[in-house]
Every structure is written in structure tokens, then in C-alpha cells.
Amino acid sequence: MQLSRMDDVAGCRLIFKRIKDLYRFRAAFHKARFRHKRRNEIDKYDYIKHPKDTGYRGVHDIYEYNVNSEVGKRLTGLYVEIQYRTLVHHAWATAVEVIGFITESQPKFQQGDKRYEHAMALASEILARAYENHKGPFPNLEDRELVSQFLAVDKEIGLLQTLRGLNAADKAVSDKRNAILIFSGSGDLEVRTFRDATDALRALFQLERELPDRDIVLVRADTSDEVRLAFKNYFSDARDFIRRIEDGCAKLTKATPLKSLLGKLRRAGRRAHPA
């Protein structure tokens, strides 16, 4: 996005446990006594009541900054965006960010492989129903059909398998400070570690030449804890998304947990298409 097209250059994100907590806080905040002016109508950016086609849910408010002090005077007129999310919304949104980083697709901006976009929209519907008694972008789908469609597209693109590999990556980082993460098209993860940064860079350039179809990331940190901190989107929030999706599918179908269902699907696929 071009900077000139941006409506705001400052923002604040608030994350709540429950939707009712979100709305209660927002209502109280709207009554707060300050000079900053809310620029939007109350429901204009309410993507909980009206989810985006991508599956994005949450609420935004745009404020125009206004203070009397000399220090803040130069900032008067600046637009500030406030994002309100629940933990469920945040887990989903972070997984979308991760997909945009490790693949050539950007479901957040509806760019690239449409299967990722469709999978995340279905995932949003699953999370909305299973955890918040709400509907998402597919309100008319029956629960079992919703889960079935998600499983089908996940089987094609290996979404959850890829995210699980990311979550396991930090465990593979030993006292060697440089790790190269190699993601295959099927979502499998290979980790190579190096003590010396020069050796890691040399290997990175060689791997990029040899494996142009792979997503390859160089991670450098002193400890695995630092890797987890630097790549928190991968190792923390992606894990939360996976857990919630697996449990959500089980809740909606009142059946075997999703991890077991996926295993059965993969085994069935191998029997149907023997090597």
C-alpha cells in the first residue's frame, strides 16, 4: 500500500477474552471525556457483526488526535486506529500473517493461491461457531459441511501440517546459533543448524539456487528461546490457531478430534494412490 493512501499512521490493538468484554469496553471508551474525535459510525468497521469475505473478524475505530498541549500540537489531526479483537480473532489473524510470510500467497489481501484464502475463511467460520456462538463468512453452511470443506482444502495445501512444522522448529534449534528452515510445497519442514554465521549464509544462498520452489528462512539467535521470541507469530500464535481449529472441528462434528481425522484422510489417500 502506498503511504499516501493510508488513513492512519498510528494504531493500538486491544485483545479481550470474550466478545461481550470487547463490546463492554468499547461502549465505555466511547463515553470517555477527551477531545479526540471518533471519525466513524459505530457499526461501520464492525467485522464481528459483518465479517469480511476473507474471514477477518474484529472491530475498528478511527480517532482524530486532538490535544491542547504544545508538545502534542504538531500531531493534531493525526488519525489513530484502534483495533478490538478477542483471543480467537487474534489467533486467526496471526495465522493469516504467517501464511503471507512463508508462502507466495497473501490471503489477507486476497492475493495468490485462492485455496489459502478459502481455507482461512472456512477456519474463521469454524472458530466463530465453536468458540463464540457467532457466524462468519459462511453463515448458511451446515456444521458438518463446513468442517468437511475445510478438511478437503487443508488436504490439498497442507496448511495445518505446515503450521505444525513451524511450531516444532524452535525445538530443533540447539546451541548452534544459526538455523535454516526449509519448507516444502507439502508443508514438511527441514531444519539445518550452523555454528558459524558465514557457513549459514553460504548454505542459504546455495539452497536458494538448488531449491527455487521451497520457502527458505534463515533464523539467527543465541538460544531457542530467542528464536521463539523473534518469531512469536510462528511459535506461539500459530500453535493457538491449530489447537483451536482442531478442537473447533471436533465440537462442530461431535466426532474424533481433527488431528485424528486428518491422519485417517492421509492414510486413505496413500491407499488410493500407492507409491
Protein backbone atom coordinates (compact mmCIF):
# COMPACT_ATOMS: atom_id res chain seq x y z
CA MET A 1 0.00 0.00 0.00
CA GLN A 2 1.26 3.50 -0.80
CA LEU A 3 1.80 5.72 2.23
CA SER A 4 -0.35 8.44 0.67
CA ARG A 5 -3.35 6.07 0.69
CA MET A 6 -3.12 5.29 4.39
CA ASP A 7 -5.74 6.86 6.64
CA ASP A 8 -3.71 6.38 9.81
CA VAL A 9 -0.07 6.13 10.81
CA ALA A 10 -0.61 5.19 14.45
CA GLY A 11 -2.54 2.36 15.99
CA CYS A 12 -3.42 0.41 19.11
CA ARG A 13 -4.66 -3.17 19.38
CA LEU A 14 -6.73 -4.36 22.33
CA ILE A 15 -7.30 -8.09 22.84
CA PHE A 16 -10.10 -9.46 25.03
CA LYS A 17 -11.08 -12.90 26.26
CA ARG A 18 -14.71 -12.65 25.17
CA ILE A 19 -16.78 -10.67 22.67
CA LYS A 20 -19.00 -9.30 25.42
CA ASP A 21 -15.92 -7.91 27.18
CA LEU A 22 -14.84 -6.27 23.94
CA TYR A 23 -18.17 -4.53 23.40
CA ARG A 24 -18.47 -3.51 27.05
CA PHE A 25 -15.05 -1.84 27.00
CA ARG A 26 -15.69 -0.19 23.64
CA ALA A 27 -19.02 1.26 24.83
CA ALA A 28 -17.35 2.70 27.93
CA PHE A 29 -14.48 4.07 25.85
CA HIS A 30 -16.91 5.86 23.55
CA LYS A 31 -18.22 7.74 26.60
CA ALA A 32 -14.77 8.77 27.78
CA ARG A 33 -14.24 12.51 28.19
CA PHE A 34 -11.42 13.60 25.90
CA ARG A 35 -11.03 15.86 22.88
CA HIS A 36 -10.12 13.12 20.39
CA LYS A 37 -12.92 12.67 17.87
CA ARG A 38 -14.18 9.34 16.57
CA ARG A 39 -14.49 9.63 12.78
CA ASN A 40 -16.58 6.52 12.02
CA GLU A 41 -20.15 5.50 12.70
CA ILE A 42 -20.40 2.88 15.42
CA ASP A 43 -21.06 -0.11 13.11
CA LYS A 44 -19.01 0.97 10.08
CA TYR A 45 -15.97 -1.17 10.90
CA ASP A 46 -17.68 -3.85 12.99
CA TYR A 47 -16.42 -7.03 11.35
CA ILE A 48 -17.90 -9.21 14.08
CA LYS A 49 -21.44 -8.32 13.07
CA HIS A 50 -20.42 -8.19 9.40
CA PRO A 51 -17.35 -10.43 8.83
CA LYS A 52 -15.19 -9.79 5.78
CA ASP A 53 -15.24 -12.33 2.95
CA THR A 54 -11.67 -13.26 3.90
CA GLY A 55 -12.88 -14.32 7.35
CA TYR A 56 -11.45 -11.33 9.18
CA ARG A 57 -13.37 -10.51 12.35
CA GLY A 58 -12.85 -7.74 14.85
CA VAL A 59 -13.86 -4.11 15.34
CA HIS A 60 -12.04 -0.91 14.36
CA ASP A 61 -12.46 2.70 15.41
CA ILE A 62 -10.70 5.66 13.80
CA TYR A 63 -9.96 8.65 16.01
CA GLU A 64 -8.60 12.07 15.13
CA TYR A 65 -5.93 13.04 17.62
CA ASN A 66 -6.52 16.37 19.37
CA VAL A 67 -4.82 17.84 22.47
CA ASN A 68 -4.20 21.31 23.87
CA SER A 69 -0.57 20.86 24.84
CA GLU A 70 2.23 22.48 22.86
CA VAL A 71 4.08 19.15 22.77
CA GLY A 72 1.18 17.39 21.07
CA LYS A 73 0.07 20.27 18.90
CA ARG A 74 2.05 19.15 15.86
CA LEU A 75 0.25 15.79 15.98
CA THR A 76 -3.22 17.32 15.93
CA GLY A 77 -5.26 15.82 13.10
CA LEU A 78 -3.33 12.54 13.03
CA TYR A 79 -5.65 9.57 12.55
CA VAL A 80 -5.24 6.78 15.07
CA GLU A 81 -6.78 3.34 14.51
CA ILE A 82 -7.91 1.24 17.46
CA GLN A 83 -8.40 -2.48 16.79
CA TYR A 84 -10.53 -4.56 19.16
CA ARG A 85 -10.09 -8.34 18.96
CA THR A 86 -10.76 -11.41 21.04
CA LEU A 87 -8.11 -14.08 21.56
CA VAL A 88 -9.92 -16.18 18.94
CA HIS A 89 -9.82 -13.36 16.38
CA HIS A 90 -6.15 -12.78 17.13
CA ALA A 91 -5.18 -16.43 16.70
CA TRP A 92 -6.83 -16.46 13.27
CA ALA A 93 -5.38 -13.12 12.15
CA THR A 94 -1.85 -14.09 13.17
CA ALA A 95 -2.09 -17.36 11.26
CA VAL A 96 -3.03 -15.32 8.17
CA GLU A 97 0.09 -13.19 8.68
CA VAL A 98 2.22 -16.32 8.96
CA ILE A 99 0.82 -17.73 5.71
CA GLY A 100 1.66 -14.47 3.97
CA PHE A 101 5.25 -14.73 5.16
CA ILE A 102 6.03 -18.36 4.39
CA THR A 103 4.12 -18.77 1.11
CA GLU A 104 3.71 -16.77 -2.07
CA SER A 105 0.08 -16.13 -1.20
CA GLN A 106 -1.43 -13.22 0.75
CA PRO A 107 -4.93 -14.25 1.88
CA LYS A 108 -5.11 -11.04 3.92
CA PHE A 109 -5.08 -9.03 0.69
CA GLN A 110 -6.88 -11.67 -1.42
CA GLN A 111 -3.77 -12.31 -3.50
CA GLY A 112 -2.11 -15.54 -4.61
CA ASP A 113 -3.42 -19.09 -4.30
CA LYS A 114 -7.12 -18.74 -3.57
CA ARG A 115 -7.11 -22.03 -1.65
CA TYR A 116 -5.31 -20.41 1.28
CA GLU A 117 -7.86 -17.61 1.29
CA HIS A 118 -10.73 -20.11 1.18
CA ALA A 119 -9.19 -22.29 3.91
CA MET A 120 -8.79 -19.33 6.26
CA ALA A 121 -12.31 -18.07 5.57
CA LEU A 122 -13.65 -21.53 6.46
CA ALA A 123 -11.40 -21.59 9.54
CA SER A 124 -12.85 -18.26 10.65
CA GLU A 125 -16.37 -19.68 10.42
CA ILE A 126 -15.33 -22.74 12.44
CA LEU A 127 -13.79 -20.59 15.18
CA ALA A 128 -16.75 -18.20 15.29
CA ARG A 129 -19.23 -21.04 15.81
CA ALA A 130 -17.17 -23.27 18.08
CA TYR A 131 -15.93 -20.63 20.50
CA GLU A 132 -18.11 -17.54 20.28
CA ASN A 133 -21.57 -18.68 19.22
CA HIS A 134 -21.34 -16.36 16.21
CA LYS A 135 -21.34 -16.79 12.44
CA GLY A 136 -18.63 -15.83 10.00
CA PRO A 137 -18.44 -15.52 6.20
CA PHE A 138 -20.35 -18.79 5.56
CA PRO A 139 -23.43 -18.49 7.79
CA ASN A 140 -25.58 -20.86 5.72
CA LEU A 141 -23.26 -23.88 5.73
CA GLU A 142 -24.21 -26.78 7.98
CA ASP A 143 -21.61 -27.58 10.63
CA ARG A 144 -20.52 -30.90 9.15
CA GLU A 145 -20.33 -29.50 5.63
CA LEU A 146 -18.23 -26.62 6.92
CA VAL A 147 -15.73 -28.95 8.56
CA SER A 148 -15.74 -31.25 5.53
CA GLN A 149 -14.87 -28.38 3.18
CA PHE A 150 -12.08 -27.20 5.46
CA LEU A 151 -10.60 -30.70 5.69
CA ALA A 152 -10.70 -31.05 1.92
CA VAL A 153 -8.82 -27.83 1.19
CA ASP A 154 -6.38 -28.48 4.04
CA LYS A 155 -5.59 -31.85 2.50
CA GLU A 156 -4.75 -30.10 -0.79
CA ILE A 157 -2.46 -27.38 0.56
CA GLY A 158 -1.14 -28.93 3.80
CA LEU A 159 -1.94 -25.81 5.80
CA LEU A 160 -2.05 -27.27 9.31
CA GLN A 161 0.92 -29.53 8.58
CA THR A 162 2.99 -26.50 7.60
CA LEU A 163 2.00 -24.58 10.72
CA ARG A 164 2.78 -27.57 12.94
CA GLY A 165 6.24 -27.73 11.39
CA LEU A 166 6.81 -24.09 12.29
CA ASN A 167 5.80 -24.73 15.88
CA ALA A 168 8.32 -27.54 16.12
CA ALA A 169 11.14 -25.55 14.53
CA ASP A 170 12.36 -23.90 17.73
CA LYS A 171 12.86 -27.30 19.35
CA ALA A 172 15.35 -28.16 16.61
CA VAL A 173 17.49 -25.10 17.30
CA SER A 174 20.32 -26.23 19.54
CA ASP A 175 23.33 -24.33 20.85
CA LYS A 176 24.21 -23.68 17.21
CA ARG A 177 23.09 -20.10 16.74
CA ASN A 178 22.09 -20.21 13.07
CA ALA A 179 19.20 -22.26 11.72
CA ILE A 180 17.86 -22.57 8.20
CA LEU A 181 14.19 -23.54 7.95
CA ILE A 182 13.26 -25.23 4.67
CA PHE A 183 9.56 -25.62 3.86
CA SER A 184 8.46 -27.95 1.10
CA GLY A 185 5.35 -27.47 -1.01
CA SER A 186 3.63 -30.19 1.03
CA GLY A 187 4.29 -28.34 4.25
CA ASP A 188 7.12 -30.54 5.53
CA LEU A 189 9.85 -28.74 7.46
CA GLU A 190 13.60 -29.45 7.42
CA VAL A 191 15.92 -27.62 9.84
CA ARG A 192 19.68 -27.28 9.31
CA THR A 193 21.81 -25.69 12.03
CA PHE A 194 25.22 -24.00 11.83
CA ARG A 195 27.60 -22.64 14.46
CA ASP A 196 29.13 -20.09 12.13
CA ALA A 197 27.07 -17.33 10.52
CA THR A 198 29.23 -17.31 7.39
CA ASP A 199 28.63 -21.01 6.82
CA ALA A 200 24.88 -20.46 7.34
CA LEU A 201 24.76 -17.64 4.76
CA ARG A 202 26.76 -19.67 2.26
CA ALA A 203 24.37 -22.59 2.73
CA LEU A 204 21.35 -20.29 2.43
CA PHE A 205 22.47 -18.92 -0.96
CA GLN A 206 23.22 -22.41 -2.23
CA LEU A 207 19.87 -23.78 -1.08
CA GLU A 208 18.01 -20.90 -2.72
CA ARG A 209 19.70 -21.77 -6.02
CA GLU A 210 19.18 -25.51 -5.68
CA LEU A 211 15.60 -25.38 -4.33
CA PRO A 212 13.85 -22.46 -6.02
CA ASP A 213 10.43 -23.97 -5.28
CA ARG A 214 10.99 -24.05 -1.50
CA ASP A 215 10.40 -21.37 1.13
CA ILE A 216 13.72 -20.96 2.93
CA VAL A 217 14.25 -18.80 6.02
CA LEU A 218 17.47 -18.09 7.94
CA VAL A 219 16.96 -17.62 11.68
CA ARG A 220 19.83 -16.35 13.84
CA ALA A 221 19.62 -16.26 17.62
CA ASP A 222 21.63 -17.27 20.68
CA THR A 223 19.06 -19.68 22.11
CA SER A 224 15.87 -21.44 21.09
CA ASP A 225 14.02 -19.10 23.48
CA GLU A 226 15.25 -16.15 21.42
CA VAL A 227 14.07 -17.86 18.25
CA ARG A 228 10.63 -18.26 19.84
CA LEU A 229 10.63 -14.59 20.84
CA ALA A 230 11.80 -13.30 17.44
CA PHE A 231 9.31 -15.48 15.57
CA LYS A 232 6.48 -15.33 18.09
CA ASN A 233 3.90 -15.30 15.30
CA TYR A 234 5.09 -18.76 14.32
CA PHE A 235 5.80 -20.49 17.57
CA SER A 236 3.08 -19.13 19.84
CA ASP A 237 0.09 -17.81 17.94
CA ALA A 238 0.17 -20.44 15.17
CA ARG A 239 0.05 -23.10 17.85
CA ASP A 240 -3.01 -21.45 19.37
CA PHE A 241 -4.70 -21.37 15.97
CA ILE A 242 -4.00 -25.06 15.35
CA ARG A 243 -5.32 -26.07 18.78
CA ARG A 244 -8.48 -24.04 18.39
CA ILE A 245 -9.17 -25.34 14.87
CA GLU A 246 -8.69 -28.97 15.91
CA ASP A 247 -10.94 -28.60 18.94
CA GLY A 248 -13.43 -26.48 16.98
CA CYS A 249 -13.87 -29.12 14.30
CA ALA A 250 -14.40 -31.78 16.96
CA LYS A 251 -17.03 -29.62 18.69
CA LEU A 252 -18.96 -28.93 15.50
CA THR A 253 -18.99 -32.54 14.32
CA LYS A 254 -19.11 -34.12 17.78
CA ALA A 255 -16.61 -36.56 16.39
CA THR A 256 -12.98 -37.58 16.53
CA PRO A 257 -10.53 -34.70 17.08
CA LEU A 258 -9.33 -33.12 13.84
CA LYS A 259 -5.75 -34.40 14.16
CA SER A 260 -7.01 -37.99 14.06
CA LEU A 261 -9.38 -37.21 11.19
CA LEU A 262 -6.54 -35.71 9.15
CA GLY A 263 -4.42 -38.79 9.80
CA LYS A 264 -7.21 -41.01 8.54
CA LEU A 265 -7.62 -38.89 5.41
CA ARG A 266 -3.90 -39.03 4.63
CA ARG A 267 -3.79 -42.80 5.13
CA ALA A 268 -6.82 -43.20 2.89
CA GLY A 269 -5.13 -41.04 0.25
CA ARG A 270 -1.99 -43.19 0.34
CA ARG A 271 -4.07 -46.36 -0.10
CA ALA A 272 -5.88 -44.81 -3.03
CA HIS A 273 -2.63 -43.63 -4.64
CA PRO A 274 0.08 -46.13 -3.68
CA ALA A 275 3.68 -45.09 -4.39
